[in-house]
Amino acid sequence: MKAVILAAGIASRLRPLTDNTPKCLLKVGTKNILELTIENLLANNISEIIIVTGYLENLIKSFVKEKFPQLNVTFFYNELYASTNNIYSLWLTKDAVHGNDMLLFDSDIIFDKQIIAELINSGFKNCLALKKHDVGAEEIKVKADEEGKIIEISKEVKPSEAAGESIGIELFEKKSLAKLFKIIDRKITVENKVNIFYEAAFQDLINNKDDIYAVDISRYYCIEIDTASDLENAVGVMNNKIERR
């Protein structure tokens, strides 16, 4: 199994904090977001990691090589990071993950390491981490049936019909992953849809009868860092965890 971390974005909503620091290297207490993600992967015995960089890529590469010198990390550079979305960054990894199962991570979340185990041990070939809470217009929302099989995933799902929010951690087995990348390749190379969310490809996969299930991880901490207040909340969560030890 290989882990893919998408870390190409500019994170303009966090400026001036991200003027000279990529979002994934922002500190949450004593450690940065990327460091926490990698430690969670290693705690789950996943050491083959792919990181897609873009904005201030040299800082990310330098940090990883210095902090985790023995780690097997492959870097891909999204030179179009300023004009593309995460579907394009994911597309760049297609050859590197071919023939493998994949865990996919957005690089702007802090989360309990147990969430990874929950997905791997769920019994589902393809699944994503779902946080159940009141959702609004901006979240990637999930509509699912009674068994947790996803019917629809997008920002456009009606909040009243949503089971919750997809937090940006997904697991795909290799056969479905190959189909997913065919969809992504078509969207990028034929349709030129380089500035959309990768969930649009998930929806096509679902429409083509490959099931993706939602795994409820609401009992674990998970915070997406989009704003300065999100970062402040995340620091509070991490400090609380340290105090409880």
C-alpha atoms as a PDB file:
ATOM      1  CA  MET A   1       0.000   0.000   0.000  1.00  0.00           C
ATOM      2  CA  LYS A   2       1.188   3.485  -0.858  1.00  0.00           C
ATOM      3  CA  ALA A   3       0.155   6.761   0.743  1.00  0.00           C
ATOM      4  CA  VAL A   4      -0.321   9.898  -1.356  1.00  0.00           C
ATOM      5  CA  ILE A   5      -0.261  13.305   0.311  1.00  0.00           C
ATOM      6  CA  LEU A   6      -1.372  16.287  -1.785  1.00  0.00           C
ATOM      7  CA  ALA A   7       0.535  19.399  -0.692  1.00  0.00           C
ATOM      8  CA  ALA A   8       0.691  21.699  -3.714  1.00  0.00           C
ATOM      9  CA  GLY A   9      -1.710  24.502  -2.792  1.00  0.00           C
ATOM     10  CA  ILE A  10      -1.027  28.153  -2.002  1.00  0.00           C
ATOM     11  CA  ALA A  11      -3.461  28.396   0.948  1.00  0.00           C
ATOM     12  CA  SER A  12      -4.251  32.062   0.347  1.00  0.00           C
ATOM     13  CA  ARG A  13      -6.887  32.121   3.116  1.00  0.00           C
ATOM     14  CA  LEU A  14      -4.123  31.604   5.665  1.00  0.00           C
ATOM     15  CA  ARG A  15      -2.015  34.559   4.592  1.00  0.00           C
ATOM     16  CA  PRO A  16       0.155  36.088   5.973  1.00  0.00           C
ATOM     17  CA  LEU A  17       0.970  32.811   7.767  1.00  0.00           C
ATOM     18  CA  THR A  18       1.599  31.130   4.419  1.00  0.00           C
ATOM     19  CA  ASP A  19       3.497  33.969   2.747  1.00  0.00           C
ATOM     20  CA  ASN A  20       6.768  32.159   3.386  1.00  0.00           C
ATOM     21  CA  THR A  21       5.576  28.771   4.652  1.00  0.00           C
ATOM     22  CA  PRO A  22       3.475  26.154   2.843  1.00  0.00           C
ATOM     23  CA  LYS A  23       0.323  25.253   4.745  1.00  0.00           C
ATOM     24  CA  CYS A  24       1.443  21.723   5.518  1.00  0.00           C
ATOM     25  CA  LEU A  25       4.495  23.065   7.379  1.00  0.00           C
ATOM     26  CA  LEU A  26       2.496  25.308   9.710  1.00  0.00           C
ATOM     27  CA  LYS A  27       3.076  24.346  13.317  1.00  0.00           C
ATOM     28  CA  VAL A  28       0.292  22.831  15.399  1.00  0.00           C
ATOM     29  CA  GLY A  29       1.949  23.025  18.776  1.00  0.00           C
ATOM     30  CA  THR A  30       5.481  21.634  18.542  1.00  0.00           C
ATOM     31  CA  LYS A  31       5.012  19.813  15.224  1.00  0.00           C
ATOM     32  CA  ASN A  32       3.770  20.793  11.785  1.00  0.00           C
ATOM     33  CA  ILE A  33       0.795  19.310   9.923  1.00  0.00           C
ATOM     34  CA  LEU A  34       2.860  17.218   7.501  1.00  0.00           C
ATOM     35  CA  GLU A  35       5.005  15.849  10.318  1.00  0.00           C
ATOM     36  CA  LEU A  36       1.899  14.718  12.194  1.00  0.00           C
ATOM     37  CA  THR A  37       0.509  13.044   9.050  1.00  0.00           C
ATOM     38  CA  ILE A  38       3.727  11.154   8.368  1.00  0.00           C
ATOM     39  CA  GLU A  39       3.967  10.036  12.002  1.00  0.00           C
ATOM     40  CA  ASN A  40       0.389   8.725  11.771  1.00  0.00           C
ATOM     41  CA  LEU A  41       1.314   6.735   8.660  1.00  0.00           C
ATOM     42  CA  LEU A  42       4.398   5.253  10.273  1.00  0.00           C
ATOM     43  CA  ALA A  43       2.356   4.347  13.360  1.00  0.00           C
ATOM     44  CA  ASN A  44       0.178   2.268  11.008  1.00  0.00           C
ATOM     45  CA  ASN A  45       3.214   0.602   9.368  1.00  0.00           C
ATOM     46  CA  ILE A  46       2.855   2.536   6.117  1.00  0.00           C
ATOM     47  CA  SER A  47       6.215   3.811   4.947  1.00  0.00           C
ATOM     48  CA  GLU A  48       5.904   4.161   1.155  1.00  0.00           C
ATOM     49  CA  ILE A  49       4.842   7.767   0.799  1.00  0.00           C
ATOM     50  CA  ILE A  50       4.282  10.020  -2.214  1.00  0.00           C
ATOM     51  CA  ILE A  51       4.042  13.769  -1.717  1.00  0.00           C
ATOM     52  CA  VAL A  52       2.836  16.139  -4.435  1.00  0.00           C
ATOM     53  CA  THR A  53       4.354  19.561  -3.960  1.00  0.00           C
ATOM     54  CA  GLY A  54       3.851  22.926  -5.632  1.00  0.00           C
ATOM     55  CA  TYR A  55       3.973  26.165  -3.686  1.00  0.00           C
ATOM     56  CA  LEU A  56       7.323  26.555  -1.885  1.00  0.00           C
ATOM     57  CA  GLU A  57       8.186  22.952  -2.740  1.00  0.00           C
ATOM     58  CA  ASN A  58      11.818  23.189  -1.657  1.00  0.00           C
ATOM     59  CA  LEU A  59      10.795  23.887   1.921  1.00  0.00           C
ATOM     60  CA  ILE A  60       8.654  20.742   1.989  1.00  0.00           C
ATOM     61  CA  LYS A  61      11.346  18.539   0.455  1.00  0.00           C
ATOM     62  CA  SER A  62      14.011  19.902   2.776  1.00  0.00           C
ATOM     63  CA  PHE A  63      11.873  19.365   5.858  1.00  0.00           C
ATOM     64  CA  VAL A  64      11.009  15.756   4.997  1.00  0.00           C
ATOM     65  CA  LYS A  65      14.576  14.832   4.140  1.00  0.00           C
ATOM     66  CA  GLU A  66      15.868  16.386   7.350  1.00  0.00           C
ATOM     67  CA  LYS A  67      13.162  15.091   9.697  1.00  0.00           C
ATOM     68  CA  PHE A  68      12.698  11.631   8.138  1.00  0.00           C
ATOM     69  CA  PRO A  69      16.046  10.857   6.447  1.00  0.00           C
ATOM     70  CA  GLN A  70      15.440   7.080   6.233  1.00  0.00           C
ATOM     71  CA  LEU A  71      11.913   7.357   4.878  1.00  0.00           C
ATOM     72  CA  ASN A  72      11.045   6.108   1.391  1.00  0.00           C
ATOM     73  CA  VAL A  73       9.453   9.268  -0.046  1.00  0.00           C
ATOM     74  CA  THR A  74       8.781  10.075  -3.706  1.00  0.00           C
ATOM     75  CA  PHE A  75       8.107  13.690  -4.642  1.00  0.00           C
ATOM     76  CA  PHE A  76       6.113  14.976  -7.600  1.00  0.00           C
ATOM     77  CA  TYR A  77       6.074  18.658  -8.464  1.00  0.00           C
ATOM     78  CA  ASN A  78       2.859  20.256  -9.738  1.00  0.00           C
ATOM     79  CA  GLU A  79       4.266  23.166 -11.676  1.00  0.00           C
ATOM     80  CA  LEU A  80       0.715  24.344 -12.395  1.00  0.00           C
ATOM     81  CA  TYR A  81      -0.186  24.551  -8.709  1.00  0.00           C
ATOM     82  CA  ALA A  82      -1.460  28.127  -9.029  1.00  0.00           C
ATOM     83  CA  SER A  83      -4.013  27.283 -11.738  1.00  0.00           C
ATOM     84  CA  THR A  84      -5.044  23.675 -11.029  1.00  0.00           C
ATOM     85  CA  ASN A  85      -6.903  21.853  -8.282  1.00  0.00           C
ATOM     86  CA  ASN A  86      -6.232  18.650  -6.367  1.00  0.00           C
ATOM     87  CA  ILE A  87      -7.435  16.374  -9.198  1.00  0.00           C
ATOM     88  CA  TYR A  88      -4.417  17.480 -11.233  1.00  0.00           C
ATOM     89  CA  SER A  89      -2.015  16.851  -8.358  1.00  0.00           C
ATOM     90  CA  LEU A  90      -3.471  13.377  -7.873  1.00  0.00           C
ATOM     91  CA  TRP A  91      -3.182  12.683 -11.614  1.00  0.00           C
ATOM     92  CA  LEU A  92       0.573  13.235 -11.432  1.00  0.00           C
ATOM     93  CA  THR A  93       0.930  10.158  -9.183  1.00  0.00           C
ATOM     94  CA  LYS A  94      -0.786   7.710 -11.534  1.00  0.00           C
ATOM     95  CA  ASP A  95       2.304   5.753 -12.570  1.00  0.00           C
ATOM     96  CA  ALA A  96       3.775   5.689  -9.058  1.00  0.00           C
ATOM     97  CA  VAL A  97       0.726   4.044  -7.487  1.00  0.00           C
ATOM     98  CA  HIS A  98      -0.103   1.709 -10.387  1.00  0.00           C
ATOM     99  CA  GLY A  99      -0.645  -1.833  -9.166  1.00  0.00           C
ATOM    100  CA  ASN A 100      -0.932  -0.820  -5.521  1.00  0.00           C
ATOM    101  CA  ASP A 101      -3.648  -0.020  -3.027  1.00  0.00           C
ATOM    102  CA  MET A 102      -3.634   3.672  -2.123  1.00  0.00           C
ATOM    103  CA  LEU A 103      -4.371   5.816   0.898  1.00  0.00           C
ATOM    104  CA  LEU A 104      -5.022   9.410  -0.139  1.00  0.00           C
ATOM    105  CA  PHE A 105      -4.608  12.412   2.141  1.00  0.00           C
ATOM    106  CA  ASP A 106      -5.191  16.111   1.858  1.00  0.00           C
ATOM    107  CA  SER A 107      -2.217  17.796   3.530  1.00  0.00           C
ATOM    108  CA  ASP A 108      -4.197  20.287   5.602  1.00  0.00           C
ATOM    109  CA  ILE A 109      -5.764  18.049   8.231  1.00  0.00           C
ATOM    110  CA  ILE A 110      -4.680  16.978  11.680  1.00  0.00           C
ATOM    111  CA  PHE A 111      -6.260  13.714  12.707  1.00  0.00           C
ATOM    112  CA  ASP A 112      -6.108  10.763  15.054  1.00  0.00           C
ATOM    113  CA  LYS A 113      -3.847   7.978  13.755  1.00  0.00           C
ATOM    114  CA  GLN A 114      -6.622   5.496  14.491  1.00  0.00           C
ATOM    115  CA  ILE A 115      -8.608   6.841  11.530  1.00  0.00           C
ATOM    116  CA  ILE A 116      -6.161   5.143   9.173  1.00  0.00           C
ATOM    117  CA  ALA A 117      -6.669   1.838  10.955  1.00  0.00           C
ATOM    118  CA  GLU A 118     -10.442   2.281  10.827  1.00  0.00           C
ATOM    119  CA  LEU A 119     -10.346   2.525   7.022  1.00  0.00           C
ATOM    120  CA  ILE A 120      -7.899  -0.345   6.552  1.00  0.00           C
ATOM    121  CA  ASN A 121      -9.851  -2.632   8.892  1.00  0.00           C
ATOM    122  CA  SER A 122     -13.309  -1.582   7.706  1.00  0.00           C
ATOM    123  CA  GLY A 123     -13.745  -4.560   5.389  1.00  0.00           C
ATOM    124  CA  PHE A 124     -14.452  -2.229   2.463  1.00  0.00           C
ATOM    125  CA  LYS A 125     -12.227  -2.239  -0.618  1.00  0.00           C
ATOM    126  CA  ASN A 126     -12.894   1.442  -1.243  1.00  0.00           C
ATOM    127  CA  CYS A 127     -13.877   3.813   1.529  1.00  0.00           C
ATOM    128  CA  LEU A 128     -13.441   7.264   2.974  1.00  0.00           C
ATOM    129  CA  ALA A 129     -13.445   8.827   6.401  1.00  0.00           C
ATOM    130  CA  LEU A 130     -16.755  10.516   7.240  1.00  0.00           C
ATOM    131  CA  LYS A 131     -17.269  13.083   9.990  1.00  0.00           C
ATOM    132  CA  LYS A 132     -20.878  13.424  11.053  1.00  0.00           C
ATOM    133  CA  HIS A 133     -21.765  16.999  11.966  1.00  0.00           C
ATOM    134  CA  ASP A 134     -23.920  19.855  10.754  1.00  0.00           C
ATOM    135  CA  VAL A 135     -22.617  20.713   7.293  1.00  0.00           C
ATOM    136  CA  GLY A 136     -22.861  23.847   5.178  1.00  0.00           C
ATOM    137  CA  ALA A 137     -22.104  25.003   1.658  1.00  0.00           C
ATOM    138  CA  GLU A 138     -18.314  24.710   1.738  1.00  0.00           C
ATOM    139  CA  GLU A 139     -17.809  21.143   2.949  1.00  0.00           C
ATOM    140  CA  ILE A 140     -17.408  18.153   0.636  1.00  0.00           C
ATOM    141  CA  LYS A 141     -20.611  16.392   1.628  1.00  0.00           C
ATOM    142  CA  VAL A 142     -21.561  12.740   1.353  1.00  0.00           C
ATOM    143  CA  LYS A 143     -24.968  11.230   0.672  1.00  0.00           C
ATOM    144  CA  ALA A 144     -25.091   7.511   1.520  1.00  0.00           C
ATOM    145  CA  ASP A 145     -27.558   4.660   1.850  1.00  0.00           C
ATOM    146  CA  GLU A 146     -28.316   2.771   5.070  1.00  0.00           C
ATOM    147  CA  GLU A 147     -25.284   0.512   4.606  1.00  0.00           C
ATOM    148  CA  GLY A 148     -22.960   3.475   4.183  1.00  0.00           C
ATOM    149  CA  LYS A 149     -22.546   3.036   0.416  1.00  0.00           C
ATOM    150  CA  ILE A 150     -22.015   6.459  -1.105  1.00  0.00           C
ATOM    151  CA  ILE A 151     -24.610   7.689  -3.573  1.00  0.00           C
ATOM    152  CA  GLU A 152     -23.308  11.206  -4.071  1.00  0.00           C
ATOM    153  CA  ILE A 153     -20.215  13.169  -3.042  1.00  0.00           C
ATOM    154  CA  SER A 154     -19.684  16.881  -3.716  1.00  0.00           C
ATOM    155  CA  LYS A 155     -20.121  20.328  -2.266  1.00  0.00           C
ATOM    156  CA  GLU A 156     -23.502  20.412  -4.015  1.00  0.00           C
ATOM    157  CA  VAL A 157     -25.094  17.669  -1.909  1.00  0.00           C
ATOM    158  CA  LYS A 158     -27.992  19.189  -0.003  1.00  0.00           C
ATOM    159  CA  PRO A 159     -27.013  19.594   3.670  1.00  0.00           C
ATOM    160  CA  SER A 160     -30.367  18.127   4.699  1.00  0.00           C
ATOM    161  CA  GLU A 161     -29.539  14.932   2.768  1.00  0.00           C
ATOM    162  CA  ALA A 162     -25.898  14.645   3.794  1.00  0.00           C
ATOM    163  CA  ALA A 163     -24.624  11.892   6.067  1.00  0.00           C
ATOM    164  CA  GLY A 164     -21.690  14.143   6.926  1.00  0.00           C
ATOM    165  CA  GLU A 165     -18.426  15.536   5.603  1.00  0.00           C
ATOM    166  CA  SER A 166     -15.645  13.738   3.762  1.00  0.00           C
ATOM    167  CA  ILE A 167     -12.545  14.831   5.684  1.00  0.00           C
ATOM    168  CA  GLY A 168      -9.973  14.148   2.969  1.00  0.00           C
ATOM    169  CA  ILE A 169      -8.730  10.638   3.795  1.00  0.00           C
ATOM    170  CA  GLU A 170      -9.608   7.829   1.362  1.00  0.00           C
ATOM    171  CA  LEU A 171      -8.645   4.212   0.691  1.00  0.00           C
ATOM    172  CA  PHE A 172      -8.789   2.561  -2.752  1.00  0.00           C
ATOM    173  CA  GLU A 173      -7.881  -0.998  -3.686  1.00  0.00           C
ATOM    174  CA  LYS A 174      -5.745  -1.389  -6.797  1.00  0.00           C
ATOM    175  CA  LYS A 175      -8.394  -2.571  -9.277  1.00  0.00           C
ATOM    176  CA  SER A 176     -10.760   0.292  -8.532  1.00  0.00           C
ATOM    177  CA  LEU A 177      -7.804   2.656  -8.365  1.00  0.00           C
ATOM    178  CA  ALA A 178      -6.857   1.754 -11.928  1.00  0.00           C
ATOM    179  CA  LYS A 179     -10.408   2.610 -13.005  1.00  0.00           C
ATOM    180  CA  LEU A 180     -10.281   5.843 -11.022  1.00  0.00           C
ATOM    181  CA  PHE A 181      -7.124   6.963 -12.772  1.00  0.00           C
ATOM    182  CA  LYS A 182      -8.649   6.224 -16.176  1.00  0.00           C
ATOM    183  CA  ILE A 183     -11.463   8.582 -15.223  1.00  0.00           C
ATOM    184  CA  ILE A 184      -9.020  11.206 -13.956  1.00  0.00           C
ATOM    185  CA  ASP A 185      -6.878  10.863 -17.083  1.00  0.00           C
ATOM    186  CA  ARG A 186      -9.918  11.479 -19.265  1.00  0.00           C
ATOM    187  CA  LYS A 187     -10.940  14.523 -17.280  1.00  0.00           C
ATOM    188  CA  ILE A 188      -7.425  15.994 -17.466  1.00  0.00           C
ATOM    189  CA  THR A 189      -6.275  15.109 -20.986  1.00  0.00           C
ATOM    190  CA  VAL A 190      -9.564  15.084 -22.910  1.00  0.00           C
ATOM    191  CA  GLU A 191     -11.941  17.341 -21.015  1.00  0.00           C
ATOM    192  CA  ASN A 192      -9.242  19.710 -19.665  1.00  0.00           C
ATOM    193  CA  LYS A 193     -10.918  19.753 -16.259  1.00  0.00           C
ATOM    194  CA  VAL A 194      -7.747  20.536 -14.350  1.00  0.00           C
ATOM    195  CA  ASN A 195      -9.344  22.876 -11.835  1.00  0.00           C
ATOM    196  CA  ILE A 196     -11.928  20.630 -10.189  1.00  0.00           C
ATOM    197  CA  PHE A 197     -11.919  18.567  -7.000  1.00  0.00           C
ATOM    198  CA  TYR A 198     -10.916  14.906  -7.229  1.00  0.00           C
ATOM    199  CA  GLU A 199     -14.299  13.988  -5.740  1.00  0.00           C
ATOM    200  CA  ALA A 200     -15.760  14.553  -9.227  1.00  0.00           C
ATOM    201  CA  ALA A 201     -13.793  11.483 -10.340  1.00  0.00           C
ATOM    202  CA  PHE A 202     -15.011   9.575  -7.271  1.00  0.00           C
ATOM    203  CA  GLN A 203     -18.560  10.328  -8.381  1.00  0.00           C
ATOM    204  CA  ASP A 204     -17.885   8.961 -11.872  1.00  0.00           C
ATOM    205  CA  LEU A 205     -16.429   5.804 -10.315  1.00  0.00           C
ATOM    206  CA  ILE A 206     -19.581   5.415  -8.206  1.00  0.00           C
ATOM    207  CA  ASN A 207     -21.762   5.999 -11.270  1.00  0.00           C
ATOM    208  CA  ASN A 208     -19.825   3.211 -13.021  1.00  0.00           C
ATOM    209  CA  LYS A 209     -20.845   0.785 -10.228  1.00  0.00           C
ATOM    210  CA  ASP A 210     -17.636   0.716  -8.213  1.00  0.00           C
ATOM    211  CA  ASP A 211     -18.770   1.050  -4.625  1.00  0.00           C
ATOM    212  CA  ILE A 212     -17.204   3.493  -2.175  1.00  0.00           C
ATOM    213  CA  TYR A 213     -18.299   3.346   1.459  1.00  0.00           C
ATOM    214  CA  ALA A 214     -18.336   5.966   4.186  1.00  0.00           C
ATOM    215  CA  VAL A 215     -16.657   4.981   7.461  1.00  0.00           C
ATOM    216  CA  ASP A 216     -17.840   6.996  10.450  1.00  0.00           C
ATOM    217  CA  ILE A 217     -14.802   8.383  12.290  1.00  0.00           C
ATOM    218  CA  SER A 218     -16.694  11.028  14.264  1.00  0.00           C
ATOM    219  CA  ARG A 219     -15.409   9.724  17.595  1.00  0.00           C
ATOM    220  CA  TYR A 220     -11.843  10.665  16.642  1.00  0.00           C
ATOM    221  CA  TYR A 221     -10.410  14.153  16.394  1.00  0.00           C
ATOM    222  CA  CYS A 222      -9.998  15.601  12.916  1.00  0.00           C
ATOM    223  CA  ILE A 223      -9.650  19.259  11.939  1.00  0.00           C
ATOM    224  CA  GLU A 224      -9.189  20.733   8.476  1.00  0.00           C
ATOM    225  CA  ILE A 225      -6.943  23.793   8.509  1.00  0.00           C
ATOM    226  CA  ASP A 226      -8.332  26.457   6.168  1.00  0.00           C
ATOM    227  CA  THR A 227      -8.195  29.606   8.305  1.00  0.00           C
ATOM    228  CA  ALA A 228      -6.239  31.088  11.201  1.00  0.00           C
ATOM    229  CA  SER A 229      -9.083  30.180  13.550  1.00  0.00           C
ATOM    230  CA  ASP A 230      -8.924  26.557  12.359  1.00  0.00           C
ATOM    231  CA  LEU A 231      -5.235  26.538  13.180  1.00  0.00           C
ATOM    232  CA  GLU A 232      -5.905  27.991  16.617  1.00  0.00           C
ATOM    233  CA  ASN A 233      -8.535  25.316  17.280  1.00  0.00           C
ATOM    234  CA  ALA A 234      -6.124  22.611  16.154  1.00  0.00           C
ATOM    235  CA  VAL A 235      -3.435  23.880  18.517  1.00  0.00           C
ATOM    236  CA  GLY A 236      -5.971  23.676  21.353  1.00  0.00           C
ATOM    237  CA  VAL A 237      -6.831  20.086  20.450  1.00  0.00           C
ATOM    238  CA  MET A 238      -3.192  19.019  20.334  1.00  0.00           C
ATOM    239  CA  ASN A 239      -2.374  20.783  23.609  1.00  0.00           C
ATOM    240  CA  ASN A 240      -5.313  19.012  25.229  1.00  0.00           C
ATOM    241  CA  LYS A 241      -4.047  15.658  23.976  1.00  0.00           C
ATOM    242  CA  ILE A 242      -0.605  16.339  25.441  1.00  0.00           C
ATOM    243  CA  GLU A 243      -2.075  17.339  28.827  1.00  0.00           C
ATOM    244  CA  ARG A 244      -4.026  14.072  28.995  1.00  0.00           C
ATOM    245  CA  ARG A 245      -0.922  11.914  28.610  1.00  0.00           C
END
